[in-house]
PDB file of all heavy atoms in Angstrom:
ATOM      1  N   THR A   1       0.861  -1.180   0.000  1.00  0.00           N
ATOM      2  CA  THR A   1       0.000   0.000   0.000  1.00  0.00           C
ATOM      3  C   THR A   1       0.895   1.227   0.000  1.00  0.00           C
ATOM      4  O   THR A   1       2.105   1.142   0.259  1.00  0.00           O
ATOM      5  CB  THR A   1      -0.932   0.075   1.229  1.00  0.00           C
ATOM      6  OG1 THR A   1      -0.163   0.422   2.386  1.00  0.00           O
ATOM      7  CG2 THR A   1      -1.656  -1.240   1.463  1.00  0.00           C
ATOM      8  N   GLU A   2       0.293   2.376  -0.248  1.00  0.00           N
ATOM      9  CA  GLU A   2       1.068   3.611  -0.326  1.00  0.00           C
ATOM     10  C   GLU A   2       1.728   3.958   1.003  1.00  0.00           C
ATOM     11  O   GLU A   2       2.797   4.582   1.028  1.00  0.00           O
ATOM     12  CB  GLU A   2       0.167   4.754  -0.793  1.00  0.00           C
ATOM     13  CG  GLU A   2       0.926   5.980  -1.252  1.00  0.00           C
ATOM     14  CD  GLU A   2       0.013   7.016  -1.864  1.00  0.00           C
ATOM     15  OE1 GLU A   2      -1.220   6.851  -1.791  1.00  0.00           O
ATOM     16  OE2 GLU A   2       0.540   7.995  -2.417  1.00  0.00           O
ATOM     17  N   ASP A   3       1.120   3.554   2.114  1.00  0.00           N
ATOM     18  CA  ASP A   3       1.624   3.933   3.428  1.00  0.00           C
ATOM     19  C   ASP A   3       2.614   2.925   4.008  1.00  0.00           C
ATOM     20  O   ASP A   3       3.242   3.196   5.028  1.00  0.00           O
ATOM     21  CB  ASP A   3       0.466   4.104   4.414  1.00  0.00           C
ATOM     22  CG  ASP A   3      -0.455   5.251   4.029  1.00  0.00           C
ATOM     23  OD1 ASP A   3       0.043   6.195   3.381  1.00  0.00           O
ATOM     24  OD2 ASP A   3      -1.652   5.193   4.353  1.00  0.00           O
ATOM     25  N   GLU A   4       2.743   1.755   3.389  1.00  0.00           N
ATOM     26  CA  GLU A   4       3.611   0.717   3.933  1.00  0.00           C
ATOM     27  C   GLU A   4       5.031   0.834   3.378  1.00  0.00           C
ATOM     28  O   GLU A   4       5.252   1.446   2.331  1.00  0.00           O
ATOM     29  CB  GLU A   4       3.023  -0.663   3.641  1.00  0.00           C
ATOM     30  CG  GLU A   4       1.727  -0.938   4.380  1.00  0.00           C
ATOM     31  CD  GLU A   4       1.254  -2.370   4.200  1.00  0.00           C
ATOM     32  OE1 GLU A   4       2.111  -3.260   4.047  1.00  0.00           O
ATOM     33  OE2 GLU A   4       0.037  -2.594   4.202  1.00  0.00           O
ATOM     34  N   PRO A   5       6.020   0.236   4.061  1.00  0.00           N
ATOM     35  CA  PRO A   5       7.399   0.270   3.558  1.00  0.00           C
ATOM     36  C   PRO A   5       7.541  -0.565   2.288  1.00  0.00           C
ATOM     37  O   PRO A   5       6.700  -1.412   1.980  1.00  0.00           O
ATOM     38  CB  PRO A   5       8.215  -0.315   4.715  1.00  0.00           C
ATOM     39  CG  PRO A   5       7.242  -1.147   5.484  1.00  0.00           C
ATOM     40  CD  PRO A   5       5.918  -0.446   5.367  1.00  0.00           C
ATOM     41  N   ASP A   6       8.617  -0.337   1.564  1.00  0.00           N
ATOM     42  CA  ASP A   6       8.872  -1.091   0.346  1.00  0.00           C
ATOM     43  C   ASP A   6       9.004  -2.576   0.652  1.00  0.00           C
ATOM     44  O   ASP A   6       9.654  -2.978   1.631  1.00  0.00           O
ATOM     45  CB  ASP A   6      10.166  -0.621  -0.320  1.00  0.00           C
ATOM     46  CG  ASP A   6      10.107   0.824  -0.780  1.00  0.00           C
ATOM     47  OD1 ASP A   6       8.992   1.299  -1.055  1.00  0.00           O
ATOM     48  OD2 ASP A   6      11.172   1.465  -0.852  1.00  0.00           O
ATOM     49  N   SER A   7       8.406  -3.395  -0.203  1.00  0.00           N
ATOM     50  CA  SER A   7       8.627  -4.838  -0.128  1.00  0.00           C
ATOM     51  C   SER A   7       9.752  -5.251  -1.071  1.00  0.00           C
ATOM     52  O   SER A   7      10.309  -6.345  -0.955  1.00  0.00           O
ATOM     53  CB  SER A   7       7.345  -5.587  -0.480  1.00  0.00           C
ATOM     54  OG  SER A   7       6.875  -5.226  -1.769  1.00  0.00           O
ATOM     55  N   PHE A   8      10.081  -4.363  -2.006  1.00  0.00           N
ATOM     56  CA  PHE A   8      11.166  -4.608  -2.949  1.00  0.00           C
ATOM     57  C   PHE A   8      11.673  -3.266  -3.439  1.00  0.00           C
ATOM     58  O   PHE A   8      10.889  -2.355  -3.706  1.00  0.00           O
ATOM     59  CB  PHE A   8      10.669  -5.439  -4.138  1.00  0.00           C
ATOM     60  CG  PHE A   8      11.631  -5.481  -5.297  1.00  0.00           C
ATOM     61  CD1 PHE A   8      12.671  -6.405  -5.315  1.00  0.00           C
ATOM     62  CD2 PHE A   8      11.503  -4.608  -6.371  1.00  0.00           C
ATOM     63  CE1 PHE A   8      13.563  -6.450  -6.382  1.00  0.00           C
ATOM     64  CE2 PHE A   8      12.386  -4.654  -7.438  1.00  0.00           C
ATOM     65  CZ  PHE A   8      13.423  -5.573  -7.439  1.00  0.00           C
ATOM     66  N   VAL A   9      12.985  -3.117  -3.532  1.00  0.00           N
ATOM     67  CA  VAL A   9      13.562  -1.885  -4.065  1.00  0.00           C
ATOM     68  C   VAL A   9      14.929  -2.199  -4.654  1.00  0.00           C
ATOM     69  O   VAL A   9      15.669  -3.031  -4.116  1.00  0.00           O
ATOM     70  CB  VAL A   9      13.662  -0.788  -2.971  1.00  0.00           C
ATOM     71  CG1 VAL A   9      14.601  -1.222  -1.854  1.00  0.00           C
ATOM     72  CG2 VAL A   9      14.117   0.532  -3.561  1.00  0.00           C
ATOM     73  N   ARG A  10      15.256  -1.569  -5.775  1.00  0.00           N
ATOM     74  CA  ARG A  10      16.589  -1.698  -6.343  1.00  0.00           C
ATOM     75  C   ARG A  10      16.903  -0.435  -7.144  1.00  0.00           C
ATOM     76  O   ARG A  10      16.009   0.203  -7.706  1.00  0.00           O
ATOM     77  CB  ARG A  10      16.731  -2.931  -7.228  1.00  0.00           C
ATOM     78  CG  ARG A  10      15.879  -2.931  -8.487  1.00  0.00           C
ATOM     79  CD  ARG A  10      16.260  -4.095  -9.390  1.00  0.00           C
ATOM     80  NE  ARG A  10      15.330  -4.229 -10.506  1.00  0.00           N
ATOM     81  CZ  ARG A  10      15.541  -5.038 -11.547  1.00  0.00           C
ATOM     82  NH1 ARG A  10      16.647  -5.762 -11.605  1.00  0.00           N
ATOM     83  NH2 ARG A  10      14.645  -5.105 -12.513  1.00  0.00           N
ATOM     84  N   VAL A  11      18.184  -0.091  -7.173  1.00  0.00           N
ATOM     85  CA  VAL A  11      18.636   1.084  -7.908  1.00  0.00           C
ATOM     86  C   VAL A  11      18.707   0.727  -9.394  1.00  0.00           C
ATOM     87  O   VAL A  11      19.184  -0.334  -9.777  1.00  0.00           O
ATOM     88  CB  VAL A  11      20.009   1.554  -7.393  1.00  0.00           C
ATOM     89  CG1 VAL A  11      20.538   2.697  -8.250  1.00  0.00           C
ATOM     90  CG2 VAL A  11      19.910   1.973  -5.931  1.00  0.00           C
ATOM     91  N   ARG A  12      18.211   1.644 -10.222  1.00  0.00           N
ATOM     92  CA  ARG A  12      18.242   1.445 -11.663  1.00  0.00           C
ATOM     93  C   ARG A  12      19.048   2.565 -12.325  1.00  0.00           C
ATOM     94  O   ARG A  12      19.211   3.646 -11.760  1.00  0.00           O
ATOM     95  CB  ARG A  12      16.808   1.454 -12.223  1.00  0.00           C
ATOM     96  CG  ARG A  12      15.928   0.310 -11.722  1.00  0.00           C
ATOM     97  CD  ARG A  12      16.384  -1.026 -12.303  1.00  0.00           C
ATOM     98  NE  ARG A  12      16.422  -0.965 -13.761  1.00  0.00           N
ATOM     99  CZ  ARG A  12      15.359  -1.213 -14.549  1.00  0.00           C
ATOM    100  NH1 ARG A  12      14.202  -1.543 -14.005  1.00  0.00           N
ATOM    101  NH2 ARG A  12      15.476  -1.144 -15.865  1.00  0.00           N
ATOM    102  N   THR A  13      19.550   2.311 -13.519  1.00  0.00           N
ATOM    103  CA  THR A  13      20.286   3.310 -14.283  1.00  0.00           C
ATOM    104  C   THR A  13      19.571   3.552 -15.600  1.00  0.00           C
ATOM    105  O   THR A  13      18.887   2.656 -16.139  1.00  0.00           O
ATOM    106  CB  THR A  13      21.725   2.858 -14.567  1.00  0.00           C
ATOM    107  OG1 THR A  13      21.702   1.594 -15.258  1.00  0.00           O
ATOM    108  CG2 THR A  13      22.512   2.718 -13.279  1.00  0.00           C
ATOM    109  N   LEU A  14      19.720   4.752 -16.130  1.00  0.00           N
ATOM    110  CA  LEU A  14      19.105   5.099 -17.408  1.00  0.00           C
ATOM    111  C   LEU A  14      19.844   4.422 -18.553  1.00  0.00           C
ATOM    112  O   LEU A  14      21.067   4.243 -18.517  1.00  0.00           O
ATOM    113  CB  LEU A  14      19.141   6.613 -17.626  1.00  0.00           C
ATOM    114  CG  LEU A  14      18.173   7.470 -16.822  1.00  0.00           C
ATOM    115  CD1 LEU A  14      18.439   8.937 -17.125  1.00  0.00           C
ATOM    116  CD2 LEU A  14      16.736   7.113 -17.129  1.00  0.00           C
ATOM    117  N   GLY A  15      19.085   4.085 -19.591  1.00  0.00           N
ATOM    118  CA  GLY A  15      19.698   3.605 -20.803  1.00  0.00           C
ATOM    119  C   GLY A  15      20.252   4.765 -21.610  1.00  0.00           C
ATOM    120  O   GLY A  15      20.088   5.935 -21.259  1.00  0.00           O
ATOM    121  N   SER A  16      20.905   4.445 -22.710  1.00  0.00           N
ATOM    122  CA  SER A  16      21.504   5.492 -23.547  1.00  0.00           C
ATOM    123  C   SER A  16      20.451   6.404 -24.153  1.00  0.00           C
ATOM    124  O   SER A  16      20.753   7.528 -24.577  1.00  0.00           O
ATOM    125  CB  SER A  16      22.333   4.850 -24.659  1.00  0.00           C
ATOM    126  OG  SER A  16      21.528   3.984 -25.455  1.00  0.00           O
ATOM    127  N   ASP A  17      19.189   5.941 -24.191  1.00  0.00           N
ATOM    128  CA  ASP A  17      18.097   6.753 -24.734  1.00  0.00           C
ATOM    129  C   ASP A  17      17.326   7.485 -23.640  1.00  0.00           C
ATOM    130  O   ASP A  17      16.214   7.961 -23.870  1.00  0.00           O
ATOM    131  CB  ASP A  17      17.143   5.878 -25.556  1.00  0.00           C
ATOM    132  CG  ASP A  17      16.611   4.688 -24.759  1.00  0.00           C
ATOM    133  OD1 ASP A  17      17.006   4.531 -23.585  1.00  0.00           O
ATOM    134  OD2 ASP A  17      15.810   3.910 -25.313  1.00  0.00           O
ATOM    135  N   SER A  18      17.897   7.556 -22.431  1.00  0.00           N
ATOM    136  CA  SER A  18      17.294   8.279 -21.295  1.00  0.00           C
ATOM    137  C   SER A  18      15.969   7.667 -20.859  1.00  0.00           C
ATOM    138  O   SER A  18      15.054   8.376 -20.432  1.00  0.00           O
ATOM    139  CB  SER A  18      17.100   9.773 -21.628  1.00  0.00           C
ATOM    140  OG  SER A  18      18.315  10.363 -21.998  1.00  0.00           O
ATOM    141  N   ARG A  19      15.865   6.355 -20.952  1.00  0.00           N
ATOM    142  CA  ARG A  19      14.650   5.652 -20.541  1.00  0.00           C
ATOM    143  C   ARG A  19      14.974   4.593 -19.493  1.00  0.00           C
ATOM    144  O   ARG A  19      16.088   4.076 -19.426  1.00  0.00           O
ATOM    145  CB  ARG A  19      13.983   4.962 -21.742  1.00  0.00           C
ATOM    146  CG  ARG A  19      13.575   5.906 -22.859  1.00  0.00           C
ATOM    147  CD  ARG A  19      13.149   5.131 -24.098  1.00  0.00           C
ATOM    148  NE  ARG A  19      12.933   6.021 -25.227  1.00  0.00           N
ATOM    149  CZ  ARG A  19      11.758   6.513 -25.587  1.00  0.00           C
ATOM    150  NH1 ARG A  19      10.666   6.153 -24.905  1.00  0.00           N
ATOM    151  NH2 ARG A  19      11.645   7.322 -26.607  1.00  0.00           N
ATOM    152  N   VAL A  20      13.957   4.255 -18.700  1.00  0.00           N
ATOM    153  CA  VAL A  20      14.055   3.150 -17.758  1.00  0.00           C
ATOM    154  C   VAL A  20      12.718   2.416 -17.799  1.00  0.00           C
ATOM    155  O   VAL A  20      11.656   3.049 -17.936  1.00  0.00           O
ATOM    156  CB  VAL A  20      14.386   3.646 -16.330  1.00  0.00           C
ATOM    157  CG1 VAL A  20      13.270   4.553 -15.792  1.00  0.00           C
ATOM    158  CG2 VAL A  20      14.641   2.484 -15.388  1.00  0.00           C
ATOM    159  N   ALA A  21      12.756   1.091 -17.727  1.00  0.00           N
ATOM    160  CA  ALA A  21      11.521   0.316 -17.877  1.00  0.00           C
ATOM    161  C   ALA A  21      11.520  -0.867 -16.925  1.00  0.00           C
ATOM    162  O   ALA A  21      12.578  -1.371 -16.514  1.00  0.00           O
ATOM    163  CB  ALA A  21      11.368  -0.168 -19.319  1.00  0.00           C
ATOM    164  N   LEU A  22      10.320  -1.299 -16.569  1.00  0.00           N
ATOM    165  CA  LEU A  22      10.141  -2.529 -15.799  1.00  0.00           C
ATOM    166  C   LEU A  22       9.063  -3.365 -16.453  1.00  0.00           C
ATOM    167  O   LEU A  22       8.154  -2.833 -17.105  1.00  0.00           O
ATOM    168  CB  LEU A  22       9.805  -2.226 -14.338  1.00  0.00           C
ATOM    169  CG  LEU A  22       8.507  -1.479 -13.990  1.00  0.00           C
ATOM    170  CD1 LEU A  22       7.287  -2.394 -13.965  1.00  0.00           C
ATOM    171  CD2 LEU A  22       8.654  -0.791 -12.638  1.00  0.00           C
ATOM    172  N   ILE A  23       9.174  -4.661 -16.294  1.00  0.00           N
ATOM    173  CA  ILE A  23       8.195  -5.598 -16.848  1.00  0.00           C
ATOM    174  C   ILE A  23       7.864  -6.615 -15.764  1.00  0.00           C
ATOM    175  O   ILE A  23       8.763  -7.141 -15.097  1.00  0.00           O
ATOM    176  CB  ILE A  23       8.734  -6.319 -18.104  1.00  0.00           C
ATOM    177  CG1 ILE A  23       9.037  -5.312 -19.217  1.00  0.00           C
ATOM    178  CG2 ILE A  23       7.731  -7.364 -18.596  1.00  0.00           C
ATOM    179  CD1 ILE A  23       9.686  -5.932 -20.437  1.00  0.00           C
ATOM    180  N   ARG A  24       6.592  -6.878 -15.563  1.00  0.00           N
ATOM    181  CA  ARG A  24       6.145  -7.878 -14.599  1.00  0.00           C
ATOM    182  C   ARG A  24       5.170  -8.842 -15.275  1.00  0.00           C
ATOM    183  O   ARG A  24       4.254  -8.411 -15.978  1.00  0.00           O
ATOM    184  CB  ARG A  24       5.433  -7.226 -13.403  1.00  0.00           C
ATOM    185  CG  ARG A  24       6.299  -6.325 -12.553  1.00  0.00           C
ATOM    186  CD  ARG A  24       7.283  -7.130 -11.720  1.00  0.00           C
ATOM    187  NE  ARG A  24       7.940  -6.276 -10.739  1.00  0.00           N
ATOM    188  CZ  ARG A  24       9.015  -5.536 -10.990  1.00  0.00           C
ATOM    189  NH1 ARG A  24       9.542  -5.535 -12.211  1.00  0.00           N
ATOM    190  NH2 ARG A  24       9.548  -4.805 -10.039  1.00  0.00           N
TER     191      ARG A  24
END
């Protein structure tokens, strides 16, 4: 939920095209 702590977190870096994506 919005008020609860993260259940998962990781640092991401931008690609050469200034984009970042996730897939589930």
